[in-house]
Amino acid sequence: MALAQTAPPAPPHVGRHASTPEDIRAIEKVVADFQAALIAKDVKLLSSLLLHTNILFASPADDGFIKKMRDTTDVHFDGVGAAGYVAFANFIKREPQRTEEKFYNVKITQDRHVAWVNFDYEFLVGDKLSNYGVEAWQMVKRDGEWKILSVVWSMHPAAEAGK
């Protein structure tokens, strides 16, 4: 917190974002469609929300797991899986149980044609908690439509939820 105490006051233009209620509603619709697509297992809808299917879509590994992988399997392992969205979509499509991601404390920040969506989440398979954490999307407006440019999240196993 020392940084906040030593930072100079921001000039008036800092923090003044070019944002419209229409854009915020459109971004909220992407968020709602993402959640609905998971429940419906509609990976076509899910992919339509992305700028393209090769976006950064990952839960980066921690240093301990990276070291283990470098020591045993791949000296170049960086903790970010290459399969990204495609692996996630295949999981959603093939998982026989219901999948749902619940979002909490959603914060949308939009400035012109870029936006950030940050939230806490729970991911459920069937009716059971699978994992939880914090998720951040970067979004971009292309041809009048808001698209997800990247998805990055932390992940805690369900077993840690009660601790």
N, C-alpha and C. Protein backbone atom coordinates (compact mmCIF):
# COMPACT_ATOMS: atom_id res chain seq x y z
N MET A 1 0.82 -1.19 0.00
CA MET A 1 0.00 0.00 0.00
C MET A 1 0.86 1.25 0.00
N ALA A 2 2.15 1.12 0.20
CA ALA A 2 3.04 2.27 0.23
C ALA A 2 3.01 3.02 -1.10
N LEU A 3 2.82 2.33 -2.18
CA LEU A 3 2.78 2.97 -3.50
C LEU A 3 1.67 4.01 -3.57
N ALA A 4 0.51 3.70 -3.05
CA ALA A 4 -0.61 4.64 -3.08
C ALA A 4 -0.28 5.90 -2.29
N GLN A 5 0.51 5.77 -1.24
CA GLN A 5 0.85 6.92 -0.42
C GLN A 5 1.89 7.81 -1.08
N THR A 6 2.75 7.25 -1.93
CA THR A 6 3.81 8.03 -2.54
C THR A 6 3.49 8.47 -3.96
N ALA A 7 2.44 7.97 -4.55
CA ALA A 7 2.08 8.34 -5.92
C ALA A 7 1.57 9.77 -5.96
N PRO A 8 1.97 10.51 -6.99
CA PRO A 8 1.46 11.89 -7.09
C PRO A 8 -0.01 11.89 -7.45
N PRO A 9 -0.72 12.97 -7.16
CA PRO A 9 -2.13 13.05 -7.55
C PRO A 9 -2.24 12.99 -9.08
N ALA A 10 -3.26 12.31 -9.55
CA ALA A 10 -3.46 12.17 -11.00
C ALA A 10 -3.99 13.46 -11.59
N PRO A 11 -3.53 13.80 -12.81
CA PRO A 11 -4.11 14.96 -13.49
C PRO A 11 -5.58 14.69 -13.81
N PRO A 12 -6.38 15.72 -14.04
CA PRO A 12 -7.83 15.56 -14.24
C PRO A 12 -8.21 14.60 -15.38
N HIS A 13 -7.38 14.50 -16.41
CA HIS A 13 -7.75 13.64 -17.55
C HIS A 13 -7.52 12.16 -17.28
N VAL A 14 -6.72 11.81 -16.29
CA VAL A 14 -6.44 10.42 -15.97
C VAL A 14 -7.67 9.80 -15.32
N GLY A 15 -8.09 8.67 -15.82
CA GLY A 15 -9.27 7.99 -15.28
C GLY A 15 -10.56 8.43 -15.93
N ARG A 16 -10.49 9.36 -16.86
CA ARG A 16 -11.68 9.80 -17.58
C ARG A 16 -11.75 8.96 -18.86
N HIS A 17 -12.63 7.99 -18.86
CA HIS A 17 -12.72 7.04 -19.97
C HIS A 17 -13.83 7.43 -20.94
N ALA A 18 -13.59 7.16 -22.22
CA ALA A 18 -14.61 7.37 -23.24
C ALA A 18 -15.47 6.10 -23.28
N SER A 19 -16.59 6.13 -22.59
CA SER A 19 -17.45 4.96 -22.42
C SER A 19 -18.90 5.38 -22.63
N THR A 20 -19.69 4.46 -23.20
CA THR A 20 -21.10 4.76 -23.40
C THR A 20 -21.96 3.68 -22.75
N PRO A 21 -23.17 4.04 -22.34
CA PRO A 21 -24.09 3.03 -21.79
C PRO A 21 -24.38 1.92 -22.80
N GLU A 22 -24.44 2.26 -24.09
CA GLU A 22 -24.71 1.24 -25.12
C GLU A 22 -23.57 0.23 -25.19
N ASP A 23 -22.33 0.72 -25.12
CA ASP A 23 -21.19 -0.19 -25.15
C ASP A 23 -21.16 -1.06 -23.90
N ILE A 24 -21.42 -0.49 -22.75
CA ILE A 24 -21.44 -1.27 -21.51
C ILE A 24 -22.51 -2.37 -21.60
N ARG A 25 -23.68 -2.03 -22.12
CA ARG A 25 -24.74 -3.05 -22.28
C ARG A 25 -24.30 -4.15 -23.25
N ALA A 26 -23.63 -3.77 -24.33
CA ALA A 26 -23.15 -4.76 -25.30
C ALA A 26 -22.10 -5.68 -24.68
N ILE A 27 -21.23 -5.13 -23.85
CA ILE A 27 -20.23 -5.94 -23.15
C ILE A 27 -20.92 -6.86 -22.15
N GLU A 28 -21.90 -6.35 -21.41
CA GLU A 28 -22.67 -7.18 -20.47
C GLU A 28 -23.35 -8.33 -21.20
N LYS A 29 -23.80 -8.10 -22.43
CA LYS A 29 -24.43 -9.16 -23.22
C LYS A 29 -23.41 -10.24 -23.57
N VAL A 30 -22.18 -9.85 -23.90
CA VAL A 30 -21.13 -10.84 -24.17
C VAL A 30 -20.90 -11.69 -22.92
N VAL A 31 -20.85 -11.05 -21.76
CA VAL A 31 -20.67 -11.77 -20.50
C VAL A 31 -21.81 -12.77 -20.29
N ALA A 32 -23.04 -12.33 -20.48
CA ALA A 32 -24.21 -13.21 -20.30
C ALA A 32 -24.22 -14.33 -21.34
N ASP A 33 -23.88 -14.02 -22.58
CA ASP A 33 -23.84 -15.04 -23.64
C ASP A 33 -22.76 -16.08 -23.36
N PHE A 34 -21.63 -15.66 -22.81
CA PHE A 34 -20.55 -16.58 -22.46
C PHE A 34 -21.06 -17.59 -21.43
N GLN A 35 -21.72 -17.09 -20.39
CA GLN A 35 -22.25 -17.97 -19.36
C GLN A 35 -23.31 -18.91 -19.92
N ALA A 36 -24.21 -18.38 -20.75
CA ALA A 36 -25.27 -19.20 -21.34
C ALA A 36 -24.69 -20.26 -22.27
N ALA A 37 -23.65 -19.92 -23.02
CA ALA A 37 -23.03 -20.87 -23.95
C ALA A 37 -22.43 -22.05 -23.19
N LEU A 38 -21.85 -21.80 -22.03
CA LEU A 38 -21.28 -22.89 -21.23
C LEU A 38 -22.38 -23.85 -20.77
N ILE A 39 -23.45 -23.30 -20.25
CA ILE A 39 -24.56 -24.13 -19.76
C ILE A 39 -25.17 -24.94 -20.91
N ALA A 40 -25.36 -24.29 -22.07
CA ALA A 40 -25.98 -24.95 -23.23
C ALA A 40 -24.99 -25.82 -24.00
N LYS A 41 -23.70 -25.76 -23.63
CA LYS A 41 -22.64 -26.46 -24.36
C LYS A 41 -22.62 -26.04 -25.83
N ASP A 42 -22.88 -24.77 -26.06
CA ASP A 42 -22.94 -24.20 -27.40
C ASP A 42 -21.58 -23.58 -27.73
N VAL A 43 -20.64 -24.43 -28.17
CA VAL A 43 -19.29 -23.94 -28.44
C VAL A 43 -19.23 -23.04 -29.67
N LYS A 44 -20.21 -23.15 -30.55
CA LYS A 44 -20.27 -22.23 -31.69
C LYS A 44 -20.57 -20.81 -31.20
N LEU A 45 -21.55 -20.68 -30.31
CA LEU A 45 -21.83 -19.37 -29.71
C LEU A 45 -20.61 -18.87 -28.96
N LEU A 46 -20.00 -19.76 -28.19
CA LEU A 46 -18.82 -19.38 -27.41
C LEU A 46 -17.73 -18.82 -28.32
N SER A 47 -17.45 -19.51 -29.42
CA SER A 47 -16.39 -19.03 -30.33
C SER A 47 -16.77 -17.72 -31.00
N SER A 48 -18.06 -17.48 -31.20
CA SER A 48 -18.49 -16.23 -31.85
C SER A 48 -18.24 -15.01 -30.96
N LEU A 49 -18.00 -15.24 -29.68
CA LEU A 49 -17.75 -14.15 -28.74
C LEU A 49 -16.28 -13.72 -28.73
N LEU A 50 -15.42 -14.54 -29.35
CA LEU A 50 -13.99 -14.29 -29.37
C LEU A 50 -13.58 -13.55 -30.64
N LEU A 51 -12.49 -12.79 -30.57
CA LEU A 51 -11.96 -12.14 -31.76
C LEU A 51 -11.55 -13.21 -32.77
N HIS A 52 -10.91 -14.26 -32.29
CA HIS A 52 -10.59 -15.46 -33.07
C HIS A 52 -10.27 -16.56 -32.06
N THR A 53 -10.14 -17.80 -32.51
CA THR A 53 -9.97 -18.91 -31.57
C THR A 53 -8.53 -19.09 -31.09
N ASN A 54 -7.60 -18.28 -31.58
CA ASN A 54 -6.21 -18.39 -31.12
C ASN A 54 -5.84 -17.31 -30.11
N ILE A 55 -6.84 -16.70 -29.47
CA ILE A 55 -6.55 -15.69 -28.45
C ILE A 55 -5.84 -16.34 -27.26
N LEU A 56 -5.19 -15.52 -26.45
CA LEU A 56 -4.64 -16.01 -25.19
C LEU A 56 -5.83 -16.42 -24.32
N PHE A 57 -5.87 -17.69 -23.95
CA PHE A 57 -6.97 -18.26 -23.17
C PHE A 57 -6.32 -19.24 -22.21
N ALA A 58 -5.94 -18.77 -21.01
CA ALA A 58 -5.09 -19.61 -20.17
C ALA A 58 -5.20 -19.28 -18.70
N SER A 59 -4.88 -20.29 -17.91
CA SER A 59 -4.64 -20.13 -16.48
C SER A 59 -3.16 -20.46 -16.28
N PRO A 60 -2.30 -19.45 -16.26
CA PRO A 60 -0.86 -19.71 -16.19
C PRO A 60 -0.49 -20.52 -14.95
N ALA A 61 0.43 -21.46 -15.14
CA ALA A 61 0.89 -22.31 -14.04
C ALA A 61 1.77 -21.51 -13.09
N ASP A 62 1.86 -21.99 -11.85
CA ASP A 62 2.73 -21.33 -10.88
C ASP A 62 4.18 -21.81 -11.06
N ASP A 63 5.11 -21.14 -10.40
CA ASP A 63 6.53 -21.44 -10.57
C ASP A 63 6.88 -22.87 -10.21
N GLY A 64 6.24 -23.43 -9.18
CA GLY A 64 6.53 -24.81 -8.78
C GLY A 64 6.21 -25.80 -9.87
N PHE A 65 5.05 -25.64 -10.51
CA PHE A 65 4.66 -26.55 -11.59
C PHE A 65 5.56 -26.34 -12.81
N ILE A 66 5.91 -25.09 -13.11
CA ILE A 66 6.80 -24.82 -14.24
C ILE A 66 8.14 -25.51 -14.03
N LYS A 67 8.70 -25.41 -12.82
CA LYS A 67 9.97 -26.06 -12.52
C LYS A 67 9.86 -27.56 -12.70
N LYS A 68 8.80 -28.15 -12.19
CA LYS A 68 8.61 -29.60 -12.31
C LYS A 68 8.57 -30.00 -13.79
N MET A 69 7.81 -29.27 -14.60
CA MET A 69 7.71 -29.60 -16.02
C MET A 69 9.06 -29.42 -16.73
N ARG A 70 9.79 -28.36 -16.39
CA ARG A 70 11.10 -28.14 -17.02
C ARG A 70 12.09 -29.21 -16.61
N ASP A 71 12.01 -29.68 -15.36
CA ASP A 71 12.92 -30.71 -14.87
C ASP A 71 12.61 -32.08 -15.45
N THR A 72 11.35 -32.34 -15.79
CA THR A 72 10.96 -33.70 -16.19
C THR A 72 10.53 -33.86 -17.64
N THR A 73 10.05 -32.78 -18.27
CA THR A 73 9.37 -32.96 -19.55
C THR A 73 9.83 -32.02 -20.64
N ASP A 74 9.82 -30.72 -20.37
CA ASP A 74 10.01 -29.72 -21.42
C ASP A 74 10.82 -28.55 -20.87
N VAL A 75 12.07 -28.42 -21.32
CA VAL A 75 12.94 -27.36 -20.80
C VAL A 75 12.44 -25.97 -21.15
N HIS A 76 11.54 -25.85 -22.12
CA HIS A 76 11.01 -24.56 -22.55
C HIS A 76 9.62 -24.26 -21.98
N PHE A 77 9.08 -25.13 -21.14
CA PHE A 77 7.72 -24.94 -20.62
C PHE A 77 7.61 -23.59 -19.92
N ASP A 78 6.60 -22.80 -20.33
CA ASP A 78 6.43 -21.46 -19.77
C ASP A 78 5.20 -21.32 -18.88
N GLY A 79 4.45 -22.40 -18.73
CA GLY A 79 3.28 -22.36 -17.85
C GLY A 79 2.00 -21.93 -18.52
N VAL A 80 2.06 -21.63 -19.82
CA VAL A 80 0.86 -21.24 -20.55
C VAL A 80 0.59 -22.31 -21.60
N GLY A 81 -0.52 -23.03 -21.44
CA GLY A 81 -0.85 -24.11 -22.36
C GLY A 81 -1.13 -23.60 -23.77
N ALA A 82 -0.62 -24.31 -24.76
CA ALA A 82 -0.80 -23.91 -26.15
C ALA A 82 -2.21 -24.17 -26.67
N ALA A 83 -2.91 -25.12 -26.07
CA ALA A 83 -4.22 -25.52 -26.60
C ALA A 83 -5.30 -24.47 -26.38
N GLY A 84 -5.19 -23.68 -25.32
CA GLY A 84 -6.07 -22.54 -25.08
C GLY A 84 -7.55 -22.78 -25.24
N TYR A 85 -8.18 -21.90 -26.01
CA TYR A 85 -9.63 -21.95 -26.20
C TYR A 85 -10.08 -23.29 -26.77
N VAL A 86 -9.36 -23.82 -27.73
CA VAL A 86 -9.78 -25.06 -28.39
C VAL A 86 -9.91 -26.19 -27.37
N ALA A 87 -8.94 -26.32 -26.47
CA ALA A 87 -9.02 -27.35 -25.43
C ALA A 87 -10.21 -27.11 -24.51
N PHE A 88 -10.44 -25.85 -24.15
CA PHE A 88 -11.57 -25.51 -23.29
C PHE A 88 -12.89 -25.86 -23.98
N ALA A 89 -13.03 -25.48 -25.24
CA ALA A 89 -14.26 -25.77 -25.99
C ALA A 89 -14.49 -27.27 -26.10
N ASN A 90 -13.42 -28.03 -26.36
CA ASN A 90 -13.55 -29.49 -26.44
C ASN A 90 -13.98 -30.07 -25.11
N PHE A 91 -13.44 -29.55 -24.01
CA PHE A 91 -13.85 -30.01 -22.69
C PHE A 91 -15.35 -29.75 -22.48
N ILE A 92 -15.79 -28.54 -22.78
CA ILE A 92 -17.20 -28.17 -22.59
C ILE A 92 -18.09 -29.08 -23.42
N LYS A 93 -17.71 -29.30 -24.66
CA LYS A 93 -18.52 -30.11 -25.58
C LYS A 93 -18.59 -31.57 -25.14
N ARG A 94 -17.48 -32.11 -24.63
CA ARG A 94 -17.42 -33.54 -24.31
C ARG A 94 -17.84 -33.88 -22.88
N GLU A 95 -17.81 -32.92 -21.99
CA GLU A 95 -18.17 -33.18 -20.59
C GLU A 95 -19.65 -33.55 -20.53
N PRO A 96 -19.97 -34.77 -20.06
CA PRO A 96 -21.38 -35.18 -20.04
C PRO A 96 -22.23 -34.41 -19.02
N GLN A 97 -21.61 -33.91 -17.97
CA GLN A 97 -22.37 -33.18 -16.96
C GLN A 97 -22.51 -31.71 -17.35
N ARG A 98 -23.46 -31.07 -16.70
CA ARG A 98 -23.69 -29.64 -16.89
C ARG A 98 -22.43 -28.86 -16.47
N THR A 99 -22.07 -27.85 -17.24
CA THR A 99 -20.96 -26.97 -16.88
C THR A 99 -21.50 -25.56 -16.71
N GLU A 100 -20.99 -24.88 -15.70
CA GLU A 100 -21.45 -23.52 -15.44
C GLU A 100 -20.31 -22.73 -14.82
N GLU A 101 -20.17 -21.49 -15.25
CA GLU A 101 -19.24 -20.57 -14.61
C GLU A 101 -20.05 -19.42 -14.04
N LYS A 102 -19.98 -19.26 -12.72
CA LYS A 102 -20.70 -18.18 -12.05
C LYS A 102 -19.73 -17.03 -11.83
N PHE A 103 -20.18 -15.82 -12.17
CA PHE A 103 -19.36 -14.62 -12.04
C PHE A 103 -19.85 -13.78 -10.87
N TYR A 104 -18.91 -13.24 -10.10
CA TYR A 104 -19.21 -12.38 -8.96
C TYR A 104 -18.33 -11.13 -9.04
N ASN A 105 -18.83 -10.03 -8.50
CA ASN A 105 -18.05 -8.79 -8.43
C ASN A 105 -17.54 -8.36 -9.80
N VAL A 106 -18.40 -8.43 -10.80
CA VAL A 106 -18.01 -8.09 -12.17
C VAL A 106 -17.74 -6.58 -12.27
N LYS A 107 -16.59 -6.25 -12.84
CA LYS A 107 -16.23 -4.84 -13.07
C LYS A 107 -15.87 -4.68 -14.54
N ILE A 108 -16.55 -3.78 -15.21
CA ILE A 108 -16.28 -3.49 -16.62
C ILE A 108 -15.67 -2.09 -16.70
N THR A 109 -14.54 -2.00 -17.38
CA THR A 109 -13.91 -0.72 -17.67
C THR A 109 -13.78 -0.62 -19.18
N GLN A 110 -14.38 0.40 -19.76
CA GLN A 110 -14.33 0.59 -21.20
C GLN A 110 -13.73 1.95 -21.51
N ASP A 111 -12.85 1.99 -22.49
CA ASP A 111 -12.29 3.26 -22.96
C ASP A 111 -12.17 3.17 -24.48
N ARG A 112 -13.09 3.85 -25.14
CA ARG A 112 -13.21 3.84 -26.60
C ARG A 112 -13.44 2.41 -27.09
N HIS A 113 -12.52 1.86 -27.87
CA HIS A 113 -12.74 0.56 -28.51
C HIS A 113 -12.10 -0.61 -27.75
N VAL A 114 -11.61 -0.37 -26.54
CA VAL A 114 -11.07 -1.45 -25.72
C VAL A 114 -11.79 -1.48 -24.37
N ALA A 115 -11.82 -2.67 -23.79
CA ALA A 115 -12.49 -2.83 -22.49
C ALA A 115 -11.84 -3.97 -21.72
N TRP A 116 -12.06 -3.93 -20.41
CA TRP A 116 -11.58 -4.96 -19.52
C TRP A 116 -12.75 -5.42 -18.67
N VAL A 117 -12.88 -6.72 -18.52
CA VAL A 117 -13.91 -7.30 -17.66
C VAL A 117 -13.17 -8.14 -16.63
N ASN A 118 -13.34 -7.80 -15.37
CA ASN A 118 -12.67 -8.51 -14.27
C ASN A 118 -13.73 -9.01 -13.30
N PHE A 119 -13.53 -10.23 -12.79
CA PHE A 119 -14.51 -10.79 -11.86
C PHE A 119 -13.92 -11.96 -11.09
N ASP A 120 -14.57 -12.29 -9.99
CA ASP A 120 -14.31 -13.53 -9.27
C ASP A 120 -15.23 -14.57 -9.89
N TYR A 121 -14.80 -15.82 -9.89
CA TYR A 121 -15.63 -16.85 -10.52
C TYR A 121 -15.62 -18.15 -9.72
N GLU A 122 -16.63 -18.95 -9.99
CA GLU A 122 -16.69 -20.36 -9.58
C GLU A 122 -17.00 -21.15 -10.84
N PHE A 123 -16.29 -22.27 -11.04
CA PHE A 123 -16.58 -23.14 -12.17
C PHE A 123 -17.14 -24.44 -11.63
N LEU A 124 -18.34 -24.78 -12.08
CA LEU A 124 -19.02 -25.98 -11.60
C LEU A 124 -19.15 -27.02 -12.71
N VAL A 125 -18.95 -28.27 -12.34
CA VAL A 125 -19.21 -29.40 -13.22
C VAL A 125 -20.25 -30.23 -12.50
N GLY A 126 -21.39 -30.44 -13.17
CA GLY A 126 -22.53 -31.00 -12.46
C GLY A 126 -22.96 -29.93 -11.48
N ASP A 127 -23.23 -30.31 -10.27
CA ASP A 127 -23.57 -29.32 -9.24
C ASP A 127 -22.42 -29.10 -8.28
N LYS A 128 -21.22 -29.58 -8.65
CA LYS A 128 -20.09 -29.52 -7.74
C LYS A 128 -19.06 -28.49 -8.19
N LEU A 129 -18.53 -27.78 -7.21
CA LEU A 129 -17.47 -26.82 -7.48
C LEU A 129 -16.24 -27.56 -7.98
N SER A 130 -15.72 -27.14 -9.11
CA SER A 130 -14.50 -27.71 -9.68
C SER A 130 -13.30 -26.84 -9.30
N ASN A 131 -13.44 -25.52 -9.52
CA ASN A 131 -12.37 -24.60 -9.18
C ASN A 131 -12.94 -23.19 -9.07
N TYR A 132 -12.11 -22.28 -8.58
CA TYR A 132 -12.54 -20.89 -8.44
C TYR A 132 -11.32 -19.99 -8.50
N GLY A 133 -11.55 -18.70 -8.69
CA GLY A 133 -10.44 -17.76 -8.74
C GLY A 133 -10.87 -16.40 -9.24
N VAL A 134 -9.93 -15.73 -9.87
CA VAL A 134 -10.14 -14.41 -10.45
C VAL A 134 -9.92 -14.54 -11.95
N GLU A 135 -10.76 -13.86 -12.74
CA GLU A 135 -10.65 -13.94 -14.20
C GLU A 135 -10.64 -12.53 -14.77
N ALA A 136 -9.87 -12.35 -15.83
CA ALA A 136 -9.79 -11.05 -16.51
C ALA A 136 -9.88 -11.26 -18.02
N TRP A 137 -10.77 -10.50 -18.63
CA TRP A 137 -10.88 -10.50 -20.09
C TRP A 137 -10.41 -9.15 -20.60
N GLN A 138 -9.74 -9.16 -21.74
CA GLN A 138 -9.53 -7.95 -22.51
C GLN A 138 -10.48 -8.07 -23.69
N MET A 139 -11.11 -6.97 -24.04
CA MET A 139 -12.06 -6.98 -25.15
C MET A 139 -11.73 -5.85 -26.13
N VAL A 140 -12.17 -6.03 -27.36
CA VAL A 140 -11.97 -5.03 -28.39
C VAL A 140 -13.24 -4.93 -29.23
N LYS A 141 -13.55 -3.73 -29.69
CA LYS A 141 -14.72 -3.53 -30.53
C LYS A 141 -14.26 -3.56 -31.99
N ARG A 142 -14.78 -4.54 -32.73
CA ARG A 142 -14.45 -4.71 -34.14
C ARG A 142 -15.73 -4.73 -34.95
N ASP A 143 -15.78 -3.91 -35.99
CA ASP A 143 -16.95 -3.85 -36.87
C ASP A 143 -18.24 -3.67 -36.07
N GLY A 144 -18.16 -2.87 -35.01
CA GLY A 144 -19.34 -2.56 -34.21
C GLY A 144 -19.71 -3.60 -33.18
N GLU A 145 -18.92 -4.68 -33.05
CA GLU A 145 -19.22 -5.75 -32.09
C GLU A 145 -18.08 -5.92 -31.10
N TRP A 146 -18.44 -6.14 -29.84
CA TRP A 146 -17.45 -6.39 -28.81
C TRP A 146 -17.03 -7.85 -28.85
N LYS A 147 -15.71 -8.09 -28.89
CA LYS A 147 -15.14 -9.43 -28.95
C LYS A 147 -14.11 -9.60 -27.83
N ILE A 148 -14.00 -10.82 -27.34
CA ILE A 148 -13.02 -11.14 -26.31
C ILE A 148 -11.66 -11.32 -26.98
N LEU A 149 -10.68 -10.57 -26.49
CA LEU A 149 -9.33 -10.57 -27.05
C LEU A 149 -8.39 -11.48 -26.25
N SER A 150 -8.64 -11.63 -24.95
CA SER A 150 -7.86 -12.55 -24.13
C SER A 150 -8.66 -12.90 -22.88
N VAL A 151 -8.36 -14.10 -22.36
CA VAL A 151 -8.98 -14.59 -21.12
C VAL A 151 -7.85 -15.20 -20.28
N VAL A 152 -7.64 -14.65 -19.09
CA VAL A 152 -6.61 -15.17 -18.19
C VAL A 152 -7.24 -15.29 -16.80
N TRP A 153 -6.97 -16.41 -16.13
CA TRP A 153 -7.58 -16.62 -14.82
C TRP A 153 -6.63 -17.35 -13.88
N SER A 154 -6.83 -17.11 -12.58
CA SER A 154 -6.18 -17.90 -11.55
C SER A 154 -7.09 -19.09 -11.27
N MET A 155 -6.53 -20.13 -10.67
CA MET A 155 -7.37 -21.30 -10.43
C MET A 155 -6.98 -21.96 -9.11
N HIS A 156 -7.96 -22.06 -8.23
CA HIS A 156 -7.81 -22.77 -6.97
C HIS A 156 -8.68 -24.01 -7.03
N PRO A 157 -8.17 -25.16 -6.58
CA PRO A 157 -9.01 -26.36 -6.56
C PRO A 157 -10.15 -26.21 -5.55
N ALA A 158 -11.23 -26.91 -5.81
CA ALA A 158 -12.41 -26.85 -4.94
C ALA A 158 -12.05 -27.15 -3.49
N ALA A 159 -11.09 -28.03 -3.28
CA ALA A 159 -10.71 -28.42 -1.91
C ALA A 159 -10.24 -27.23 -1.08
N GLU A 160 -9.76 -26.17 -1.73
CA GLU A 160 -9.29 -25.00 -1.00
C GLU A 160 -10.42 -24.05 -0.61
N ALA A 161 -11.62 -24.28 -1.13
CA ALA A 161 -12.73 -23.34 -0.92
C ALA A 161 -13.12 -23.21 0.54
N GLY A 162 -13.03 -24.28 1.30
CA GLY A 162 -13.45 -24.24 2.69
C GLY A 162 -12.36 -23.81 3.65
N LYS A 163 -11.19 -23.52 3.15
CA LYS A 163 -10.06 -23.20 4.03
C LYS A 163 -9.98 -21.73 4.33
